[in-house]
């Protein structure tokens, strides 16, 4: 079987831990924290958004109960925007230099977006 080529090759500005708002689709207007970024596929998993139900087998070794489990599915990275730290509305991200350091900021208000550590969510 032929391996699928990566669909998303551009830069993504969304990182794990950021608060985002869904701009299109069935969950439009919903917001949540980014749990995972699947950069090769151009998708993100957002907390409480795009919930799906999956039948799961019980696994006593991993302490997993069987039955129907509801969990988040990935959505396209183009369908989410960063939540502005000041106004709470969706905003684009920009990069500027402050004190010799690259800083991410929300273009809507100009407010600096807090840097998320690599260990966030673990």
C-alpha atoms as a PDB file:
ATOM      1  CA  UNK A   1       0.000   0.000   0.000  1.00  0.00           C
ATOM      2  CA  UNK A   2       1.230   3.441  -0.944  1.00  0.00           C
ATOM      3  CA  UNK A   3       1.976   5.826   1.931  1.00  0.00           C
ATOM      4  CA  UNK A   4      -0.143   8.975   1.989  1.00  0.00           C
ATOM      5  CA  UNK A   5       1.682  12.219   1.391  1.00  0.00           C
ATOM      6  CA  UNK A   6       1.483  14.993   3.980  1.00  0.00           C
ATOM      7  CA  UNK A   7      -1.477  17.263   3.289  1.00  0.00           C
ATOM      8  CA  UNK A   8      -0.288  20.309   5.214  1.00  0.00           C
ATOM      9  CA  UNK A   9       3.107  21.765   4.414  1.00  0.00           C
ATOM     10  CA  UNK A  10       2.771  25.387   5.571  1.00  0.00           C
ATOM     11  CA  UNK A  11       3.464  26.947   8.945  1.00  0.00           C
ATOM     12  CA  UNK A  12       0.899  26.535  11.675  1.00  0.00           C
ATOM     13  CA  UNK A  13       0.548  29.200  14.322  1.00  0.00           C
ATOM     14  CA  UNK A  14      -1.552  27.204  16.754  1.00  0.00           C
ATOM     15  CA  UNK A  15       0.316  25.495  19.586  1.00  0.00           C
ATOM     16  CA  UNK A  16      -0.688  23.083  22.320  1.00  0.00           C
ATOM     17  CA  UNK A  17      -2.234  24.852  25.281  1.00  0.00           C
ATOM     18  CA  UNK A  18      -3.566  27.876  23.349  1.00  0.00           C
ATOM     19  CA  UNK A  19      -7.202  28.888  23.778  1.00  0.00           C
ATOM     20  CA  UNK A  20      -8.898  28.791  20.374  1.00  0.00           C
ATOM     21  CA  UNK A  21     -12.339  29.451  18.886  1.00  0.00           C
ATOM     22  CA  UNK A  22     -13.863  27.319  16.116  1.00  0.00           C
ATOM     23  CA  UNK A  23     -14.756  29.529  13.132  1.00  0.00           C
ATOM     24  CA  UNK A  24     -16.564  27.062  10.840  1.00  0.00           C
ATOM     25  CA  UNK A  25     -18.346  23.722  10.936  1.00  0.00           C
ATOM     26  CA  UNK A  26     -20.860  22.129  13.271  1.00  0.00           C
ATOM     27  CA  UNK A  27     -19.084  23.449  16.384  1.00  0.00           C
ATOM     28  CA  UNK A  28     -18.823  27.053  15.159  1.00  0.00           C
ATOM     29  CA  UNK A  29     -18.444  29.503  18.033  1.00  0.00           C
ATOM     30  CA  UNK A  30     -17.237  26.850  20.485  1.00  0.00           C
ATOM     31  CA  UNK A  31     -13.924  27.431  22.218  1.00  0.00           C
ATOM     32  CA  UNK A  32     -11.468  25.344  24.153  1.00  0.00           C
ATOM     33  CA  UNK A  33      -7.837  24.524  24.842  1.00  0.00           C
ATOM     34  CA  UNK A  34      -5.704  22.829  22.176  1.00  0.00           C
ATOM     35  CA  UNK A  35      -4.832  19.335  23.423  1.00  0.00           C
ATOM     36  CA  UNK A  36      -2.782  18.104  20.442  1.00  0.00           C
ATOM     37  CA  UNK A  37      -1.457  19.498  17.163  1.00  0.00           C
ATOM     38  CA  UNK A  38      -1.176  17.041  14.275  1.00  0.00           C
ATOM     39  CA  UNK A  39       1.033  19.212  12.072  1.00  0.00           C
ATOM     40  CA  UNK A  40       1.608  16.617   9.328  1.00  0.00           C
ATOM     41  CA  UNK A  41      -2.143  16.362   8.755  1.00  0.00           C
ATOM     42  CA  UNK A  42      -2.901  20.029   9.440  1.00  0.00           C
ATOM     43  CA  UNK A  43      -5.321  19.227  12.240  1.00  0.00           C
ATOM     44  CA  UNK A  44      -5.797  20.022  15.932  1.00  0.00           C
ATOM     45  CA  UNK A  45      -7.647  18.353  18.795  1.00  0.00           C
ATOM     46  CA  UNK A  46      -9.586  20.912  20.865  1.00  0.00           C
ATOM     47  CA  UNK A  47     -10.998  20.201  24.317  1.00  0.00           C
ATOM     48  CA  UNK A  48     -14.795  19.699  24.205  1.00  0.00           C
ATOM     49  CA  UNK A  49     -15.062  20.288  20.440  1.00  0.00           C
ATOM     50  CA  UNK A  50     -15.979  17.821  17.654  1.00  0.00           C
ATOM     51  CA  UNK A  51     -17.013  15.067  20.058  1.00  0.00           C
ATOM     52  CA  UNK A  52     -17.448  11.558  18.621  1.00  0.00           C
ATOM     53  CA  UNK A  53     -18.651   8.316  20.147  1.00  0.00           C
ATOM     54  CA  UNK A  54     -16.571   5.152  19.870  1.00  0.00           C
ATOM     55  CA  UNK A  55     -17.259   1.622  21.063  1.00  0.00           C
ATOM     56  CA  UNK A  56     -14.365   0.550  23.291  1.00  0.00           C
ATOM     57  CA  UNK A  57     -13.395  -2.861  24.650  1.00  0.00           C
ATOM     58  CA  UNK A  58     -12.653  -3.160  28.339  1.00  0.00           C
ATOM     59  CA  UNK A  59      -8.977  -3.449  29.299  1.00  0.00           C
ATOM     60  CA  UNK A  60      -8.497  -4.189  33.020  1.00  0.00           C
ATOM     61  CA  UNK A  61      -4.686  -3.883  32.752  1.00  0.00           C
ATOM     62  CA  UNK A  62      -4.956  -0.230  31.693  1.00  0.00           C
ATOM     63  CA  UNK A  63      -8.010   0.376  33.912  1.00  0.00           C
ATOM     64  CA  UNK A  64     -10.250   1.139  30.901  1.00  0.00           C
ATOM     65  CA  UNK A  65     -13.956   0.377  31.140  1.00  0.00           C
ATOM     66  CA  UNK A  66     -15.726  -0.921  28.063  1.00  0.00           C
ATOM     67  CA  UNK A  67     -18.734   0.644  26.394  1.00  0.00           C
ATOM     68  CA  UNK A  68     -19.408   3.736  24.346  1.00  0.00           C
ATOM     69  CA  UNK A  69     -16.815   6.439  24.978  1.00  0.00           C
ATOM     70  CA  UNK A  70     -17.169  10.074  23.912  1.00  0.00           C
ATOM     71  CA  UNK A  71     -13.943  11.830  22.951  1.00  0.00           C
ATOM     72  CA  UNK A  72     -12.594  14.677  20.835  1.00  0.00           C
ATOM     73  CA  UNK A  73     -11.740  14.140  17.167  1.00  0.00           C
ATOM     74  CA  UNK A  74      -9.260  16.293  15.203  1.00  0.00           C
ATOM     75  CA  UNK A  75     -10.517  19.284  13.206  1.00  0.00           C
ATOM     76  CA  UNK A  76      -8.772  21.241  10.465  1.00  0.00           C
ATOM     77  CA  UNK A  77      -6.283  23.798  11.721  1.00  0.00           C
ATOM     78  CA  UNK A  78      -7.749  26.340   9.277  1.00  0.00           C
ATOM     79  CA  UNK A  79     -11.085  26.162  11.124  1.00  0.00           C
ATOM     80  CA  UNK A  80      -9.728  27.545  14.408  1.00  0.00           C
ATOM     81  CA  UNK A  81      -8.416  30.961  15.451  1.00  0.00           C
ATOM     82  CA  UNK A  82      -6.578  32.062  18.573  1.00  0.00           C
ATOM     83  CA  UNK A  83      -8.776  33.670  21.232  1.00  0.00           C
ATOM     84  CA  UNK A  84      -7.700  37.265  21.852  1.00  0.00           C
ATOM     85  CA  UNK A  85      -6.350  37.536  25.439  1.00  0.00           C
ATOM     86  CA  UNK A  86      -8.031  40.946  25.927  1.00  0.00           C
ATOM     87  CA  UNK A  87     -11.346  40.853  24.052  1.00  0.00           C
ATOM     88  CA  UNK A  88     -11.912  37.093  23.883  1.00  0.00           C
ATOM     89  CA  UNK A  89     -12.760  37.309  20.170  1.00  0.00           C
ATOM     90  CA  UNK A  90     -11.014  35.277  17.447  1.00  0.00           C
ATOM     91  CA  UNK A  91      -7.791  36.882  16.237  1.00  0.00           C
ATOM     92  CA  UNK A  92      -4.895  36.220  13.909  1.00  0.00           C
ATOM     93  CA  UNK A  93      -1.388  35.823  15.291  1.00  0.00           C
ATOM     94  CA  UNK A  94       1.601  37.946  14.440  1.00  0.00           C
ATOM     95  CA  UNK A  95       5.245  37.925  15.479  1.00  0.00           C
ATOM     96  CA  UNK A  96       7.172  41.001  16.580  1.00  0.00           C
ATOM     97  CA  UNK A  97      10.479  41.622  18.306  1.00  0.00           C
ATOM     98  CA  UNK A  98      10.377  42.981  21.862  1.00  0.00           C
ATOM     99  CA  UNK A  99      13.640  43.396  23.729  1.00  0.00           C
ATOM    100  CA  UNK A 100      15.605  41.300  21.231  1.00  0.00           C
ATOM    101  CA  UNK A 101      13.143  38.411  21.562  1.00  0.00           C
ATOM    102  CA  UNK A 102      10.481  37.132  19.164  1.00  0.00           C
ATOM    103  CA  UNK A 103       7.033  37.469  20.726  1.00  0.00           C
ATOM    104  CA  UNK A 104       3.648  36.250  19.449  1.00  0.00           C
ATOM    105  CA  UNK A 105       0.794  38.739  19.639  1.00  0.00           C
ATOM    106  CA  UNK A 106      -2.901  38.894  18.771  1.00  0.00           C
ATOM    107  CA  UNK A 107      -3.391  41.183  15.786  1.00  0.00           C
ATOM    108  CA  UNK A 108      -6.879  42.277  16.865  1.00  0.00           C
ATOM    109  CA  UNK A 109      -5.784  43.973  20.111  1.00  0.00           C
ATOM    110  CA  UNK A 110      -1.983  43.901  19.923  1.00  0.00           C
ATOM    111  CA  UNK A 111      -1.829  41.972  23.218  1.00  0.00           C
ATOM    112  CA  UNK A 112       1.018  39.517  23.695  1.00  0.00           C
ATOM    113  CA  UNK A 113      -0.028  35.868  23.671  1.00  0.00           C
ATOM    114  CA  UNK A 114       1.490  34.043  26.647  1.00  0.00           C
ATOM    115  CA  UNK A 115       4.178  31.564  25.675  1.00  0.00           C
ATOM    116  CA  UNK A 116       3.118  28.000  26.398  1.00  0.00           C
ATOM    117  CA  UNK A 117       5.781  25.733  27.843  1.00  0.00           C
ATOM    118  CA  UNK A 118       6.641  22.461  26.091  1.00  0.00           C
ATOM    119  CA  UNK A 119       5.394  20.506  29.107  1.00  0.00           C
ATOM    120  CA  UNK A 120       1.934  22.132  29.115  1.00  0.00           C
ATOM    121  CA  UNK A 121      -0.860  19.630  29.529  1.00  0.00           C
ATOM    122  CA  UNK A 122       1.384  16.747  30.590  1.00  0.00           C
END
